[in-house]
């Protein structure tokens, strides 16, 4: 769904110029930029040039295509220097785009808890093997936001897998098998990624919505009552047994 974004900013232009050491006639600009953590896309929304003095209320409007969105929408508004100033004081901003003030608003677009987004693409147009059915991409550190760190890519050329996700609301028996396999593989990749970080531990203080908090929650769900140290050691010493334990923990194919 396309989004229409609107906000009103009240700007005291004379005060903004005087407190930053700029001349009274210096042109300024209100700039709005959007970023979607789920799609890792972003772009300019609107720019409004301000040349007058006094206090003004500026209404900013932007329309963002739903196809570009996902995860958390970040809306950054900044008051910047509109053009380069050769006559600026040494302590004053002089480069075009220098930020005098900024503000960020966030809007969660997908659910009310950490999750990772999904995209259906043609693997033939990527570096992934054409015959692969899916790929879970993990980037960033444990303190990074979950929504921007995880991305499940599904190969549209693999019709069995792509169809299973299309039917996720009312899956057929074959769809349930495929979705269970994807879930098991994604869980394995996430747990192995977590255990690969030496600082991944029970007493780590991860922020809500961070990748570390999500991985810790998944670990507690799959290995209740077990310590991270014990599971990490089992993975190193007996990887086959660890894989079987994880297979049982995710209840692959609905076996409980």
Foldseek 3Di string as FASTA:
>chain_A
DKDKDKDKDKDQLQVLQVVQQHDSQFKKKKWKKKAALQQRDIGTFDIDIDGHHGIDIDMGIGIDDPVRHAFKMKIKIFIWGQAADPPGDPRHDGHGGHTSDMDIDMDGDDDDAADHEEDEDACVVDPDDNPDAKDWAADDDQQAARHNGIYIYGHVVVVLQVVLVVCVVPGDLSSLQSVLVVVLVVLVVLQVVLLVDPPLFPPDDHDGRGSSVVSVVSCCQQPPPDGSVVLSVCCVPPVVVSSVSSCVSSCRSVND
